[in-house]
């Protein structure tokens, strides 16, 4: 296995849950060098959040908790659809001098979804932009 891309998923609602389940499935099927290293969701009792917790993936109720992991995260998938979360993430990464981690907005999840061949990813009215 080459360089492992370490990913955090924020927002495990309708879009995030669907994306997380299929993303994890693709990682496992393809034996991809990708690891989900953290998740964040307001409801840590949701089935998908509990699945990650059971698998020993750090789970945060507050999305900003992911920032504390620093360069242990390569990509943060912001699937919250909340522009304020994205703004706070950018500020927190900058204040922590983290120039490594990038934030991938929901549109990037939709881009990847097109390659999954799984039909339509749920859409929400608000996209965080």
C-alpha atoms as a PDB file:
ATOM      1  CA  UNK A   1       0.000   0.000   0.000  1.00  0.00           C
ATOM      2  CA  UNK A   2       1.359   3.426  -1.003  1.00  0.00           C
ATOM      3  CA  UNK A   3       0.632   6.744   0.588  1.00  0.00           C
ATOM      4  CA  UNK A   4      -2.591   6.482   2.593  1.00  0.00           C
ATOM      5  CA  UNK A   5      -4.942   9.433   2.141  1.00  0.00           C
ATOM      6  CA  UNK A   6      -6.500  10.205   5.517  1.00  0.00           C
ATOM      7  CA  UNK A   7     -10.039  11.539   5.326  1.00  0.00           C
ATOM      8  CA  UNK A   8     -12.472  13.062   7.823  1.00  0.00           C
ATOM      9  CA  UNK A   9     -16.204  13.195   7.102  1.00  0.00           C
ATOM     10  CA  UNK A  10     -18.255  16.020   8.597  1.00  0.00           C
ATOM     11  CA  UNK A  11     -22.022  15.819   8.592  1.00  0.00           C
ATOM     12  CA  UNK A  12     -23.602  12.383   8.502  1.00  0.00           C
ATOM     13  CA  UNK A  13     -27.118  13.499   7.618  1.00  0.00           C
ATOM     14  CA  UNK A  14     -28.950  12.379   4.493  1.00  0.00           C
ATOM     15  CA  UNK A  15     -26.143  13.275   2.064  1.00  0.00           C
ATOM     16  CA  UNK A  16     -23.274  12.514   4.441  1.00  0.00           C
ATOM     17  CA  UNK A  17     -24.621   9.156   5.557  1.00  0.00           C
ATOM     18  CA  UNK A  18     -25.205   7.953   2.009  1.00  0.00           C
ATOM     19  CA  UNK A  19     -21.804   9.218   0.882  1.00  0.00           C
ATOM     20  CA  UNK A  20     -20.013   7.714   3.929  1.00  0.00           C
ATOM     21  CA  UNK A  21     -21.535   4.263   3.464  1.00  0.00           C
ATOM     22  CA  UNK A  22     -20.707   4.054  -0.243  1.00  0.00           C
ATOM     23  CA  UNK A  23     -17.302   5.713   0.142  1.00  0.00           C
ATOM     24  CA  UNK A  24     -16.321   3.186   2.817  1.00  0.00           C
ATOM     25  CA  UNK A  25     -17.632   0.340   0.664  1.00  0.00           C
ATOM     26  CA  UNK A  26     -15.546   1.536  -2.306  1.00  0.00           C
ATOM     27  CA  UNK A  27     -12.444   1.874  -0.129  1.00  0.00           C
ATOM     28  CA  UNK A  28     -12.863  -1.717   1.035  1.00  0.00           C
ATOM     29  CA  UNK A  29     -13.784  -3.178  -2.379  1.00  0.00           C
ATOM     30  CA  UNK A  30     -10.928  -1.494  -4.191  1.00  0.00           C
ATOM     31  CA  UNK A  31      -8.475  -1.874  -1.304  1.00  0.00           C
ATOM     32  CA  UNK A  32      -7.844   1.825  -1.845  1.00  0.00           C
ATOM     33  CA  UNK A  33      -5.112   3.622   0.052  1.00  0.00           C
ATOM     34  CA  UNK A  34      -7.716   5.742   1.819  1.00  0.00           C
ATOM     35  CA  UNK A  35      -8.564   5.691   5.495  1.00  0.00           C
ATOM     36  CA  UNK A  36     -11.445   7.426   7.252  1.00  0.00           C
ATOM     37  CA  UNK A  37      -9.674   8.768  10.336  1.00  0.00           C
ATOM     38  CA  UNK A  38     -12.459  10.869  11.893  1.00  0.00           C
ATOM     39  CA  UNK A  39     -16.125  11.752  11.596  1.00  0.00           C
ATOM     40  CA  UNK A  40     -18.229  14.531  13.030  1.00  0.00           C
ATOM     41  CA  UNK A  41     -21.975  14.708  13.415  1.00  0.00           C
ATOM     42  CA  UNK A  42     -24.334  16.508  15.761  1.00  0.00           C
ATOM     43  CA  UNK A  43     -26.006  13.162  16.500  1.00  0.00           C
ATOM     44  CA  UNK A  44     -23.411  10.617  17.580  1.00  0.00           C
ATOM     45  CA  UNK A  45     -26.249   8.144  18.184  1.00  0.00           C
ATOM     46  CA  UNK A  46     -27.076   7.883  14.479  1.00  0.00           C
ATOM     47  CA  UNK A  47     -26.489   4.406  13.039  1.00  0.00           C
ATOM     48  CA  UNK A  48     -23.670   5.520  10.735  1.00  0.00           C
ATOM     49  CA  UNK A  49     -21.912   7.483  13.512  1.00  0.00           C
ATOM     50  CA  UNK A  50     -22.222   4.503  15.848  1.00  0.00           C
ATOM     51  CA  UNK A  51     -20.748   2.267  13.135  1.00  0.00           C
ATOM     52  CA  UNK A  52     -17.660   4.464  12.915  1.00  0.00           C
ATOM     53  CA  UNK A  53     -17.401   4.683  16.708  1.00  0.00           C
ATOM     54  CA  UNK A  54     -17.645   0.884  16.936  1.00  0.00           C
ATOM     55  CA  UNK A  55     -14.780   0.688  14.415  1.00  0.00           C
ATOM     56  CA  UNK A  56     -12.674   2.922  16.700  1.00  0.00           C
ATOM     57  CA  UNK A  57     -12.826   5.929  14.351  1.00  0.00           C
ATOM     58  CA  UNK A  58     -12.709   9.142  16.415  1.00  0.00           C
ATOM     59  CA  UNK A  59     -16.124  10.812  16.340  1.00  0.00           C
ATOM     60  CA  UNK A  60     -16.795  14.415  17.275  1.00  0.00           C
ATOM     61  CA  UNK A  61     -20.104  16.059  18.068  1.00  0.00           C
ATOM     62  CA  UNK A  62     -18.587  19.407  17.063  1.00  0.00           C
ATOM     63  CA  UNK A  63     -17.012  19.503  13.595  1.00  0.00           C
ATOM     64  CA  UNK A  64     -14.232  21.761  14.901  1.00  0.00           C
ATOM     65  CA  UNK A  65     -12.898  18.808  16.900  1.00  0.00           C
ATOM     66  CA  UNK A  66     -11.474  17.387  13.678  1.00  0.00           C
ATOM     67  CA  UNK A  67      -9.109  20.371  13.486  1.00  0.00           C
ATOM     68  CA  UNK A  68      -7.375  19.129  16.653  1.00  0.00           C
ATOM     69  CA  UNK A  69      -6.084  16.152  14.655  1.00  0.00           C
ATOM     70  CA  UNK A  70      -3.878  18.501  12.644  1.00  0.00           C
ATOM     71  CA  UNK A  71      -1.915  16.994   9.767  1.00  0.00           C
ATOM     72  CA  UNK A  72      -3.233  13.522  10.655  1.00  0.00           C
ATOM     73  CA  UNK A  73      -6.078  14.507   8.297  1.00  0.00           C
ATOM     74  CA  UNK A  74      -5.346  15.107   4.618  1.00  0.00           C
ATOM     75  CA  UNK A  75      -8.868  15.913   3.438  1.00  0.00           C
ATOM     76  CA  UNK A  76     -11.931  17.072   5.342  1.00  0.00           C
ATOM     77  CA  UNK A  77     -15.140  16.335   3.452  1.00  0.00           C
ATOM     78  CA  UNK A  78     -17.569  19.001   4.637  1.00  0.00           C
ATOM     79  CA  UNK A  79     -20.961  17.446   4.007  1.00  0.00           C
ATOM     80  CA  UNK A  80     -22.795  19.634   6.519  1.00  0.00           C
ATOM     81  CA  UNK A  81     -24.169  22.065   3.957  1.00  0.00           C
ATOM     82  CA  UNK A  82     -23.610  24.792   6.550  1.00  0.00           C
ATOM     83  CA  UNK A  83     -21.622  27.813   5.326  1.00  0.00           C
ATOM     84  CA  UNK A  84     -20.837  28.815   8.913  1.00  0.00           C
ATOM     85  CA  UNK A  85     -19.188  25.443   9.600  1.00  0.00           C
ATOM     86  CA  UNK A  86     -17.041  25.847   6.494  1.00  0.00           C
ATOM     87  CA  UNK A  87     -16.053  29.388   7.496  1.00  0.00           C
ATOM     88  CA  UNK A  88     -15.128  28.267  11.019  1.00  0.00           C
ATOM     89  CA  UNK A  89     -13.148  25.318   9.645  1.00  0.00           C
ATOM     90  CA  UNK A  90     -11.076  27.582   7.434  1.00  0.00           C
ATOM     91  CA  UNK A  91     -10.366  29.948  10.316  1.00  0.00           C
ATOM     92  CA  UNK A  92      -9.504  27.096  12.714  1.00  0.00           C
ATOM     93  CA  UNK A  93      -7.121  25.490  10.219  1.00  0.00           C
ATOM     94  CA  UNK A  94      -5.440  28.833   9.618  1.00  0.00           C
ATOM     95  CA  UNK A  95      -5.160  29.642  13.333  1.00  0.00           C
ATOM     96  CA  UNK A  96      -3.645  26.214  14.014  1.00  0.00           C
ATOM     97  CA  UNK A  97      -1.095  26.838  11.223  1.00  0.00           C
ATOM     98  CA  UNK A  98      -2.335  23.710   9.452  1.00  0.00           C
ATOM     99  CA  UNK A  99      -1.288  24.179   5.850  1.00  0.00           C
ATOM    100  CA  UNK A 100      -1.608  20.463   5.118  1.00  0.00           C
ATOM    101  CA  UNK A 101      -5.307  19.652   5.476  1.00  0.00           C
ATOM    102  CA  UNK A 102      -7.703  20.683   2.718  1.00  0.00           C
ATOM    103  CA  UNK A 103     -11.465  21.108   2.910  1.00  0.00           C
ATOM    104  CA  UNK A 104     -13.456  19.354   0.193  1.00  0.00           C
ATOM    105  CA  UNK A 105     -16.964  20.810  -0.058  1.00  0.00           C
ATOM    106  CA  UNK A 106     -20.098  18.861  -0.844  1.00  0.00           C
ATOM    107  CA  UNK A 107     -19.668  19.448  -4.585  1.00  0.00           C
ATOM    108  CA  UNK A 108     -16.497  17.298  -4.470  1.00  0.00           C
ATOM    109  CA  UNK A 109     -18.503  14.497  -2.849  1.00  0.00           C
ATOM    110  CA  UNK A 110     -20.963  14.780  -5.747  1.00  0.00           C
ATOM    111  CA  UNK A 111     -18.043  14.621  -8.198  1.00  0.00           C
ATOM    112  CA  UNK A 112     -16.735  11.407  -6.608  1.00  0.00           C
ATOM    113  CA  UNK A 113     -20.267  10.029  -6.472  1.00  0.00           C
ATOM    114  CA  UNK A 114     -20.417  10.187 -10.260  1.00  0.00           C
ATOM    115  CA  UNK A 115     -17.540   7.696 -10.348  1.00  0.00           C
ATOM    116  CA  UNK A 116     -19.192   5.376  -7.809  1.00  0.00           C
ATOM    117  CA  UNK A 117     -21.988   4.489 -10.261  1.00  0.00           C
ATOM    118  CA  UNK A 118     -24.527   4.284  -7.434  1.00  0.00           C
ATOM    119  CA  UNK A 119     -27.356   6.394  -8.848  1.00  0.00           C
ATOM    120  CA  UNK A 120     -28.190   9.793  -7.401  1.00  0.00           C
ATOM    121  CA  UNK A 121     -26.668  11.149  -4.219  1.00  0.00           C
ATOM    122  CA  UNK A 122     -29.385  12.950  -2.235  1.00  0.00           C
ATOM    123  CA  UNK A 123     -29.358  16.706  -2.785  1.00  0.00           C
ATOM    124  CA  UNK A 124     -30.333  19.384  -0.368  1.00  0.00           C
ATOM    125  CA  UNK A 125     -31.408  22.909  -1.113  1.00  0.00           C
ATOM    126  CA  UNK A 126     -28.630  24.470   0.900  1.00  0.00           C
ATOM    127  CA  UNK A 127     -25.119  23.565  -0.185  1.00  0.00           C
ATOM    128  CA  UNK A 128     -23.080  25.785   2.100  1.00  0.00           C
ATOM    129  CA  UNK A 129     -22.125  28.287  -0.577  1.00  0.00           C
END
